[in-house]
Amino acid sequence: MSLLEMVAASEPEKKEELYKTKEEFDFFRKNLKMLYEKQKRSISYLRAKGEGELVISQGVYPKVQVTIKNDTFWTTEQKLAPVTYYTNGREIETA
């Protein structure tokens, strides 16, 4: 038992205050974690690997034409995970 919990156990109003503080802390910690994950996703979109970049987050089906600048690529297989295509100026590559 922590010191705060011992003090809270001796005084009922302190116990309620401790409980509210813990709930508030958990709420802010969860929100902070969610915002951090959102920030990581946003930053990953800002890092371009070539002259152009296409990020498909839900997946891609076969026989889909991908065109970035003047380069064209036809997908041959289904990919369910996030897929990133970019051009290096000569051809489209997968990251």
N, C-alpha and C. Protein backbone atom coordinates (compact mmCIF):
# COMPACT_ATOMS: atom_id res chain seq x y z
N MET A 1 0.85 -1.18 0.00
CA MET A 1 0.00 0.00 0.00
C MET A 1 0.89 1.23 0.00
N SER A 2 0.62 2.16 -0.92
CA SER A 2 1.43 3.37 -1.02
C SER A 2 1.07 4.35 0.10
N LEU A 3 1.91 5.33 0.27
CA LEU A 3 1.69 6.35 1.29
C LEU A 3 0.38 7.10 1.03
N LEU A 4 0.13 7.43 -0.24
CA LEU A 4 -1.11 8.13 -0.57
C LEU A 4 -2.33 7.28 -0.24
N GLU A 5 -2.26 6.00 -0.52
CA GLU A 5 -3.38 5.12 -0.23
C GLU A 5 -3.61 4.99 1.28
N MET A 6 -2.52 4.97 2.07
CA MET A 6 -2.66 4.89 3.52
C MET A 6 -3.32 6.16 4.06
N VAL A 7 -2.91 7.33 3.55
CA VAL A 7 -3.52 8.59 3.97
C VAL A 7 -4.98 8.62 3.56
N ALA A 8 -5.26 8.16 2.33
CA ALA A 8 -6.63 8.15 1.82
C ALA A 8 -7.51 7.21 2.63
N ALA A 9 -6.95 6.10 3.09
CA ALA A 9 -7.73 5.14 3.88
C ALA A 9 -8.11 5.73 5.25
N SER A 10 -7.28 6.62 5.76
CA SER A 10 -7.57 7.20 7.07
C SER A 10 -8.62 8.30 6.99
N GLU A 11 -8.75 8.95 5.83
CA GLU A 11 -9.72 10.04 5.68
C GLU A 11 -10.59 9.78 4.45
N PRO A 12 -11.88 9.62 4.61
CA PRO A 12 -12.78 9.29 3.49
C PRO A 12 -12.76 10.31 2.35
N GLU A 13 -12.70 11.61 2.68
CA GLU A 13 -12.70 12.61 1.60
C GLU A 13 -11.40 12.55 0.79
N LYS A 14 -10.31 12.19 1.45
CA LYS A 14 -9.03 12.04 0.73
C LYS A 14 -9.08 10.82 -0.19
N LYS A 15 -9.77 9.78 0.25
CA LYS A 15 -9.90 8.57 -0.57
C LYS A 15 -10.65 8.89 -1.86
N GLU A 16 -11.72 9.66 -1.74
CA GLU A 16 -12.49 10.04 -2.93
C GLU A 16 -11.67 10.92 -3.85
N GLU A 17 -10.91 11.83 -3.28
CA GLU A 17 -10.05 12.72 -4.07
C GLU A 17 -8.96 11.92 -4.79
N LEU A 18 -8.38 10.94 -4.11
CA LEU A 18 -7.37 10.08 -4.71
C LEU A 18 -7.96 9.29 -5.87
N TYR A 19 -9.15 8.77 -5.69
CA TYR A 19 -9.81 8.00 -6.74
C TYR A 19 -10.06 8.87 -7.97
N LYS A 20 -10.56 10.10 -7.75
CA LYS A 20 -10.81 11.02 -8.87
C LYS A 20 -9.51 11.38 -9.58
N THR A 21 -8.47 11.61 -8.82
CA THR A 21 -7.17 11.95 -9.40
C THR A 21 -6.62 10.81 -10.24
N LYS A 22 -6.76 9.58 -9.76
CA LYS A 22 -6.30 8.42 -10.52
C LYS A 22 -7.09 8.27 -11.82
N GLU A 23 -8.40 8.46 -11.77
CA GLU A 23 -9.22 8.38 -12.98
C GLU A 23 -8.82 9.45 -13.98
N GLU A 24 -8.59 10.66 -13.49
CA GLU A 24 -8.19 11.76 -14.36
C GLU A 24 -6.83 11.47 -14.99
N PHE A 25 -5.92 10.95 -14.20
CA PHE A 25 -4.59 10.60 -14.72
C PHE A 25 -4.69 9.54 -15.81
N ASP A 26 -5.49 8.50 -15.58
CA ASP A 26 -5.67 7.46 -16.59
C ASP A 26 -6.28 8.01 -17.87
N PHE A 27 -7.25 8.91 -17.73
CA PHE A 27 -7.88 9.53 -18.89
C PHE A 27 -6.85 10.30 -19.72
N PHE A 28 -6.05 11.13 -19.07
CA PHE A 28 -5.05 11.92 -19.79
C PHE A 28 -3.95 11.04 -20.38
N ARG A 29 -3.58 9.99 -19.67
CA ARG A 29 -2.55 9.08 -20.19
C ARG A 29 -3.03 8.39 -21.46
N LYS A 30 -4.30 7.93 -21.47
CA LYS A 30 -4.85 7.29 -22.67
C LYS A 30 -4.94 8.26 -23.83
N ASN A 31 -5.38 9.49 -23.55
CA ASN A 31 -5.46 10.50 -24.61
C ASN A 31 -4.08 10.85 -25.15
N LEU A 32 -3.11 10.95 -24.28
CA LEU A 32 -1.75 11.26 -24.70
C LEU A 32 -1.20 10.15 -25.59
N LYS A 33 -1.46 8.90 -25.21
CA LYS A 33 -1.00 7.77 -26.02
C LYS A 33 -1.67 7.80 -27.40
N MET A 34 -2.97 8.08 -27.44
CA MET A 34 -3.70 8.15 -28.71
C MET A 34 -3.14 9.28 -29.59
N LEU A 35 -2.87 10.43 -29.00
CA LEU A 35 -2.32 11.55 -29.76
C LEU A 35 -0.92 11.24 -30.27
N TYR A 36 -0.13 10.53 -29.48
CA TYR A 36 1.22 10.15 -29.90
C TYR A 36 1.15 9.22 -31.11
N GLU A 37 0.24 8.26 -31.09
CA GLU A 37 0.09 7.35 -32.23
C GLU A 37 -0.35 8.11 -33.47
N LYS A 38 -1.26 9.07 -33.30
CA LYS A 38 -1.72 9.90 -34.41
C LYS A 38 -0.55 10.72 -34.97
N GLN A 39 0.28 11.24 -34.09
CA GLN A 39 1.44 12.02 -34.51
C GLN A 39 2.41 11.15 -35.30
N LYS A 40 2.65 9.92 -34.85
CA LYS A 40 3.56 9.03 -35.56
C LYS A 40 3.05 8.75 -36.97
N ARG A 41 1.72 8.51 -37.10
CA ARG A 41 1.14 8.26 -38.43
C ARG A 41 1.30 9.49 -39.32
N SER A 42 1.03 10.66 -38.77
CA SER A 42 1.12 11.90 -39.55
C SER A 42 2.55 12.14 -40.01
N ILE A 43 3.50 11.92 -39.15
CA ILE A 43 4.91 12.12 -39.50
C ILE A 43 5.34 11.13 -40.58
N SER A 44 4.85 9.90 -40.50
CA SER A 44 5.23 8.90 -41.50
C SER A 44 4.72 9.30 -42.88
N TYR A 45 3.59 10.01 -42.95
CA TYR A 45 3.08 10.46 -44.25
C TYR A 45 3.93 11.59 -44.82
N LEU A 46 4.62 12.32 -43.96
CA LEU A 46 5.42 13.45 -44.42
C LEU A 46 6.78 13.04 -44.98
N ARG A 47 7.21 11.84 -44.69
CA ARG A 47 8.51 11.38 -45.17
C ARG A 47 8.35 10.75 -46.55
N ALA A 48 8.63 11.49 -47.60
CA ALA A 48 8.53 10.97 -48.97
C ALA A 48 9.82 10.26 -49.33
N LYS A 49 9.70 9.10 -49.97
CA LYS A 49 10.88 8.31 -50.30
C LYS A 49 11.47 8.65 -51.66
N GLY A 50 10.71 9.24 -52.53
CA GLY A 50 11.20 9.57 -53.86
C GLY A 50 10.58 10.87 -54.31
N GLU A 51 10.45 11.02 -55.62
CA GLU A 51 9.83 12.23 -56.16
C GLU A 51 8.33 12.25 -55.91
N GLY A 52 7.73 11.09 -55.82
CA GLY A 52 6.30 10.99 -55.54
C GLY A 52 6.08 9.75 -54.70
N GLU A 53 5.06 9.74 -53.90
CA GLU A 53 4.81 8.58 -53.05
C GLU A 53 3.31 8.40 -52.88
N LEU A 54 2.88 7.14 -52.90
CA LEU A 54 1.49 6.78 -52.72
C LEU A 54 1.42 5.78 -51.58
N VAL A 55 0.66 6.09 -50.54
CA VAL A 55 0.49 5.18 -49.40
C VAL A 55 -0.94 4.67 -49.43
N ILE A 56 -1.09 3.34 -49.53
CA ILE A 56 -2.40 2.71 -49.50
C ILE A 56 -2.52 2.02 -48.15
N SER A 57 -3.38 2.54 -47.29
CA SER A 57 -3.42 2.05 -45.91
C SER A 57 -4.28 0.81 -45.72
N GLN A 58 -5.29 0.58 -46.55
CA GLN A 58 -6.19 -0.55 -46.35
C GLN A 58 -5.83 -1.77 -47.19
N GLY A 59 -5.00 -1.64 -48.18
CA GLY A 59 -4.63 -2.76 -49.04
C GLY A 59 -4.92 -2.46 -50.49
N VAL A 60 -4.40 -3.31 -51.36
CA VAL A 60 -4.55 -3.10 -52.81
C VAL A 60 -4.89 -4.43 -53.47
N TYR A 61 -5.69 -4.37 -54.52
CA TYR A 61 -6.12 -5.56 -55.24
C TYR A 61 -5.27 -5.76 -56.49
N PRO A 62 -5.28 -6.98 -57.06
CA PRO A 62 -4.55 -7.22 -58.30
C PRO A 62 -5.16 -6.44 -59.47
N LYS A 63 -4.35 -6.20 -60.48
CA LYS A 63 -4.75 -5.52 -61.72
C LYS A 63 -5.20 -4.08 -61.47
N VAL A 64 -4.57 -3.41 -60.53
CA VAL A 64 -4.83 -2.00 -60.27
C VAL A 64 -3.66 -1.21 -60.84
N GLN A 65 -3.98 -0.17 -61.59
CA GLN A 65 -2.95 0.66 -62.20
C GLN A 65 -2.53 1.75 -61.22
N VAL A 66 -1.24 1.84 -60.98
CA VAL A 66 -0.67 2.87 -60.11
C VAL A 66 0.16 3.78 -61.00
N THR A 67 -0.17 5.07 -61.00
CA THR A 67 0.57 6.04 -61.81
C THR A 67 1.06 7.15 -60.92
N ILE A 68 2.36 7.34 -60.92
CA ILE A 68 2.99 8.44 -60.18
C ILE A 68 3.86 9.18 -61.18
N LYS A 69 3.58 10.45 -61.35
CA LYS A 69 4.22 11.27 -62.39
C LYS A 69 3.97 10.61 -63.73
N ASN A 70 5.01 10.26 -64.48
CA ASN A 70 4.84 9.64 -65.79
C ASN A 70 5.08 8.13 -65.75
N ASP A 71 5.28 7.58 -64.57
CA ASP A 71 5.55 6.15 -64.42
C ASP A 71 4.25 5.41 -64.10
N THR A 72 4.07 4.23 -64.72
CA THR A 72 2.87 3.43 -64.50
C THR A 72 3.27 2.03 -64.08
N PHE A 73 2.49 1.46 -63.17
CA PHE A 73 2.76 0.13 -62.63
C PHE A 73 1.43 -0.57 -62.44
N TRP A 74 1.33 -1.85 -62.81
CA TRP A 74 0.14 -2.65 -62.58
C TRP A 74 0.41 -3.63 -61.45
N THR A 75 -0.44 -3.65 -60.44
CA THR A 75 -0.25 -4.58 -59.34
C THR A 75 -0.60 -5.99 -59.81
N THR A 76 0.11 -6.98 -59.29
CA THR A 76 -0.10 -8.36 -59.72
C THR A 76 -0.73 -9.23 -58.64
N GLU A 77 -0.67 -8.77 -57.41
CA GLU A 77 -1.22 -9.58 -56.32
C GLU A 77 -1.91 -8.70 -55.30
N GLN A 78 -2.77 -9.32 -54.51
CA GLN A 78 -3.49 -8.59 -53.47
C GLN A 78 -2.61 -8.46 -52.24
N LYS A 79 -2.55 -7.25 -51.69
CA LYS A 79 -1.79 -7.00 -50.47
C LYS A 79 -2.74 -6.33 -49.48
N LEU A 80 -2.89 -6.93 -48.31
CA LEU A 80 -3.84 -6.41 -47.32
C LEU A 80 -3.22 -5.39 -46.38
N ALA A 81 -1.95 -5.52 -46.13
CA ALA A 81 -1.27 -4.60 -45.22
C ALA A 81 -1.07 -3.25 -45.91
N PRO A 82 -0.75 -2.22 -45.17
CA PRO A 82 -0.45 -0.94 -45.82
C PRO A 82 0.69 -1.11 -46.83
N VAL A 83 0.52 -0.51 -48.00
CA VAL A 83 1.49 -0.62 -49.09
C VAL A 83 1.90 0.79 -49.50
N THR A 84 3.19 0.97 -49.75
CA THR A 84 3.70 2.26 -50.20
C THR A 84 4.40 2.08 -51.53
N TYR A 85 4.01 2.88 -52.51
CA TYR A 85 4.66 2.90 -53.81
C TYR A 85 5.29 4.27 -53.98
N TYR A 86 6.46 4.31 -54.62
CA TYR A 86 7.11 5.58 -54.91
C TYR A 86 7.91 5.44 -56.20
N THR A 87 8.20 6.56 -56.81
CA THR A 87 8.99 6.55 -58.05
C THR A 87 10.37 7.13 -57.77
N ASN A 88 11.35 6.51 -58.39
CA ASN A 88 12.71 7.01 -58.26
C ASN A 88 13.12 7.78 -59.52
N GLY A 89 12.14 8.08 -60.37
CA GLY A 89 12.41 8.81 -61.60
C GLY A 89 12.44 7.91 -62.81
N ARG A 90 12.63 6.60 -62.62
CA ARG A 90 12.68 5.66 -63.75
C ARG A 90 11.57 4.63 -63.68
N GLU A 91 11.25 4.18 -62.46
CA GLU A 91 10.22 3.15 -62.28
C GLU A 91 9.59 3.27 -60.91
N ILE A 92 8.43 2.63 -60.75
CA ILE A 92 7.74 2.64 -59.47
C ILE A 92 8.22 1.46 -58.64
N GLU A 93 8.54 1.74 -57.40
CA GLU A 93 9.05 0.70 -56.49
C GLU A 93 8.13 0.60 -55.28
N THR A 94 8.22 -0.52 -54.58
CA THR A 94 7.47 -0.74 -53.36
C THR A 94 8.38 -0.57 -52.16
N ALA A 95 7.92 0.18 -51.20
CA ALA A 95 8.74 0.40 -49.99
C ALA A 95 8.53 -0.71 -49.00
